[in-house]
N, C-alpha and C. Protein backbone atom coordinates (compact mmCIF):
# COMPACT_ATOMS: atom_id res chain seq x y z
N MET A 1 110.62 129.18 90.63
CA MET A 1 110.48 128.17 89.90
C MET A 1 109.38 127.38 91.71
N LEU A 2 110.16 126.89 92.45
CA LEU A 2 109.29 126.30 93.50
C LEU A 2 108.22 127.04 94.05
N GLU A 3 108.55 128.59 93.89
CA GLU A 3 107.20 128.68 94.43
C GLU A 3 105.84 129.18 93.83
N VAL A 4 106.35 128.82 92.69
CA VAL A 4 105.44 129.38 91.54
C VAL A 4 104.19 128.11 91.45
N VAL A 5 105.13 127.16 91.89
CA VAL A 5 104.32 125.66 92.12
C VAL A 5 103.43 125.57 93.20
N TRP A 6 104.22 125.46 94.12
CA TRP A 6 103.95 126.20 95.73
C TRP A 6 102.48 127.10 95.67
N GLY A 7 103.01 128.04 94.94
CA GLY A 7 101.54 129.06 94.90
C GLY A 7 100.19 128.75 93.94
N PHE A 8 100.60 127.83 93.02
CA PHE A 8 99.02 127.16 92.33
C PHE A 8 98.87 125.99 92.80
N LEU A 9 99.94 124.76 94.29
CA LEU A 9 99.40 124.38 95.28
C LEU A 9 98.41 124.69 95.81
N LYS A 10 98.26 126.05 96.48
CA LYS A 10 97.75 126.42 97.53
C LYS A 10 96.49 126.46 97.33
N ASP A 11 96.13 126.81 96.10
CA ASP A 11 94.76 127.15 95.77
C ASP A 11 94.23 125.69 95.77
N PRO A 12 93.11 125.76 97.13
CA PRO A 12 92.32 125.02 96.99
C PRO A 12 91.34 124.14 95.62
N ALA A 13 90.91 125.31 94.56
CA ALA A 13 90.74 124.85 93.49
C ALA A 13 91.39 124.24 92.32
N ASN A 14 92.76 124.76 92.86
CA ASN A 14 93.97 123.55 91.81
C ASN A 14 94.17 122.48 92.55
N ARG A 15 94.12 122.27 93.83
CA ARG A 15 94.14 120.88 94.47
C ARG A 15 92.98 120.23 93.71
N ALA A 16 92.00 119.93 93.87
CA ALA A 16 90.36 119.34 93.51
C ALA A 16 90.63 119.67 91.66
N ALA A 17 91.00 120.02 91.06
CA ALA A 17 91.26 119.84 89.75
C ALA A 17 92.15 119.24 89.58
N LEU A 18 93.32 119.18 90.27
CA LEU A 18 94.28 117.82 89.86
C LEU A 18 94.06 116.49 90.54
N GLU A 19 92.75 116.49 91.42
CA GLU A 19 92.98 115.60 92.03
C GLU A 19 91.30 114.63 90.89
N CYS A 20 90.78 115.43 90.27
CA CYS A 20 90.34 114.68 89.30
C CYS A 20 90.75 114.47 88.34
N ILE A 21 91.78 115.31 87.66
CA ILE A 21 92.48 114.85 86.92
C ILE A 21 93.52 113.53 86.58
N GLY A 22 93.79 113.10 88.51
CA GLY A 22 94.81 111.91 88.83
C GLY A 22 93.93 110.74 88.83
N GLY A 23 92.78 111.44 89.27
CA GLY A 23 91.97 110.60 89.71
C GLY A 23 91.12 109.01 88.37
N GLY A 24 91.12 110.40 87.33
CA GLY A 24 90.98 109.59 85.80
C GLY A 24 91.84 109.05 84.80
N ALA A 25 93.05 109.58 85.34
CA ALA A 25 94.15 108.88 84.28
C ALA A 25 94.34 107.55 84.90
N VAL A 26 93.98 107.30 86.43
CA VAL A 26 94.07 105.87 86.98
C VAL A 26 93.09 105.60 86.30
N VAL A 27 91.97 105.62 86.40
CA VAL A 27 90.55 104.59 85.62
C VAL A 27 90.64 104.90 83.63
N ALA A 28 91.53 105.51 83.48
CA ALA A 28 91.98 105.78 82.34
C ALA A 28 93.23 103.98 81.88
N ALA A 29 94.25 104.70 82.99
CA ALA A 29 95.43 103.37 82.58
C ALA A 29 94.82 102.00 82.90
N GLY A 30 93.79 101.97 83.79
CA GLY A 30 93.05 100.76 84.23
C GLY A 30 92.03 100.12 83.01
N GLY A 31 91.58 100.96 82.34
CA GLY A 31 91.07 100.61 81.19
C GLY A 31 91.63 99.75 79.73
N VAL A 32 92.87 100.89 80.17
CA VAL A 32 94.04 100.20 79.12
C VAL A 32 94.76 99.13 79.29
N TRP A 33 94.85 98.87 80.83
CA TRP A 33 95.28 97.59 80.46
C TRP A 33 94.45 96.32 80.65
N ALA A 34 93.30 96.90 80.66
CA ALA A 34 91.94 95.27 80.64
C ALA A 34 92.05 95.21 78.98
N VAL A 35 92.23 96.34 78.42
CA VAL A 35 91.62 96.01 76.89
C VAL A 35 93.18 95.18 76.71
N ILE A 36 94.71 95.45 76.99
CA ILE A 36 95.77 95.32 76.19
C ILE A 36 95.65 93.23 77.05
N LYS A 37 95.25 93.28 78.14
CA LYS A 37 95.23 91.59 78.87
C LYS A 37 94.28 91.07 77.65
N LEU A 38 93.38 91.91 77.50
CA LEU A 38 92.46 90.76 76.54
C LEU A 38 92.23 90.74 75.09
N LEU A 39 93.58 91.82 74.78
CA LEU A 39 93.81 91.43 73.59
C LEU A 39 95.36 90.62 73.16
N LEU A 40 95.76 90.36 74.26
CA LEU A 40 96.71 89.79 74.00
C LEU A 40 96.69 88.45 74.63
N LYS A 41 95.73 87.85 75.18
CA LYS A 41 95.02 86.76 75.86
C LYS A 41 95.56 85.57 74.94
N LYS A 42 95.88 84.61 74.85
CA LYS A 42 96.25 83.34 74.82
C LYS A 42 95.36 82.64 74.14
N GLU A 43 94.95 82.12 72.83
CA GLU A 43 93.92 81.25 72.82
C GLU A 43 94.15 79.94 73.34
N GLY A 44 94.98 79.27 72.89
CA GLY A 44 94.72 77.86 73.60
C GLY A 44 96.56 77.17 73.93
N VAL A 45 96.17 76.31 74.77
CA VAL A 45 97.36 75.05 75.12
C VAL A 45 97.68 74.37 74.03
N ILE A 46 98.58 74.01 73.47
CA ILE A 46 99.48 73.08 72.66
C ILE A 46 100.14 71.80 73.34
N ALA A 47 99.95 70.45 73.55
CA ALA A 47 100.65 69.18 73.70
C ALA A 47 101.59 69.02 73.08
N GLU A 48 102.62 68.90 73.90
CA GLU A 48 103.83 68.67 73.30
C GLU A 48 104.07 66.93 73.17
N ASP A 49 104.58 66.43 72.07
CA ASP A 49 104.64 64.72 72.20
C ASP A 49 104.92 63.69 73.62
N HIS A 50 104.12 63.41 73.63
CA HIS A 50 103.38 62.67 74.92
C HIS A 50 103.18 63.06 76.26
N SER A 51 102.44 64.68 76.21
CA SER A 51 102.31 65.56 76.97
C SER A 51 100.46 65.51 76.82
N ILE A 52 99.94 65.74 78.47
CA ILE A 52 98.47 66.35 78.17
C ILE A 52 98.53 67.89 78.15
N ALA A 53 96.95 68.51 77.47
CA ALA A 53 97.11 69.63 77.84
C ALA A 53 95.87 69.66 77.95
N LEU A 54 95.16 70.52 79.09
CA LEU A 54 93.78 70.21 79.52
C LEU A 54 93.32 72.09 79.90
N GLY A 55 92.10 72.20 79.79
CA GLY A 55 91.83 73.71 80.01
C GLY A 55 90.58 73.63 80.62
N GLY A 56 90.08 74.09 81.46
CA GLY A 56 89.08 74.19 82.55
C GLY A 56 88.96 73.33 83.25
N ASN A 57 88.12 72.71 83.70
CA ASN A 57 87.54 71.54 84.74
C ASN A 57 87.58 70.36 83.83
N ALA A 58 88.51 69.47 83.97
CA ALA A 58 89.34 68.93 83.67
C ALA A 58 88.70 67.46 84.99
N ASN A 59 87.46 67.65 86.00
CA ASN A 59 87.22 66.43 86.93
C ASN A 59 86.56 65.75 85.69
N SER A 60 86.16 64.37 86.15
CA SER A 60 85.59 63.25 85.85
C SER A 60 85.42 63.74 84.34
N SER A 61 86.78 64.01 83.40
CA SER A 61 86.60 63.53 81.94
C SER A 61 87.59 62.84 81.49
N PRO A 62 86.72 61.93 80.51
CA PRO A 62 86.80 60.88 79.98
C PRO A 62 88.56 60.84 79.19
N MET A 63 89.44 60.02 79.40
CA MET A 63 90.91 60.08 78.82
C MET A 63 91.19 58.76 78.30
N THR A 64 91.49 58.44 77.17
CA THR A 64 91.94 57.21 76.22
C THR A 64 93.59 57.58 76.42
N ILE A 65 93.89 56.95 76.84
CA ILE A 65 95.36 56.64 76.72
C ILE A 65 96.06 55.57 75.67
N ASN A 66 97.06 55.76 74.92
CA ASN A 66 97.38 54.82 74.01
C ASN A 66 98.64 55.07 73.38
N SER A 67 99.64 54.26 74.03
CA SER A 67 101.27 54.30 74.14
C SER A 67 101.33 54.55 72.56
N PRO A 68 102.48 54.43 71.90
CA PRO A 68 102.76 54.25 70.61
C PRO A 68 103.24 53.36 70.57
N ARG A 69 103.66 51.99 71.12
CA ARG A 69 103.78 50.96 70.86
C ARG A 69 102.40 50.12 70.63
N SER A 70 100.95 50.27 71.18
CA SER A 70 99.90 50.06 71.10
C SER A 70 99.34 50.42 69.42
N ARG A 71 99.51 51.46 68.88
CA ARG A 71 98.98 51.78 67.75
C ARG A 71 99.26 50.91 66.67
N LYS A 72 97.95 50.92 65.69
CA LYS A 72 98.73 49.91 64.70
C LYS A 72 99.05 50.93 63.27
N SER A 73 99.71 50.52 63.05
CA SER A 73 100.18 51.72 61.73
C SER A 73 99.82 50.84 60.50
């Protein structure tokens, strides 16, 4: 059995075909991974009580802080 595989791999044309198939498989796997990451991307961040959720650049963003005691009911 091993002699058959070794005989197949000795042929340069067979090795070139396997290189093309392997390279294509790597590119396809990368594309599938990119699509999966895109589809499973989290949409947003939800802040829990008494916390802040920021997305993107928060430099110089106006922020108002109201404590629960200062709110009027």
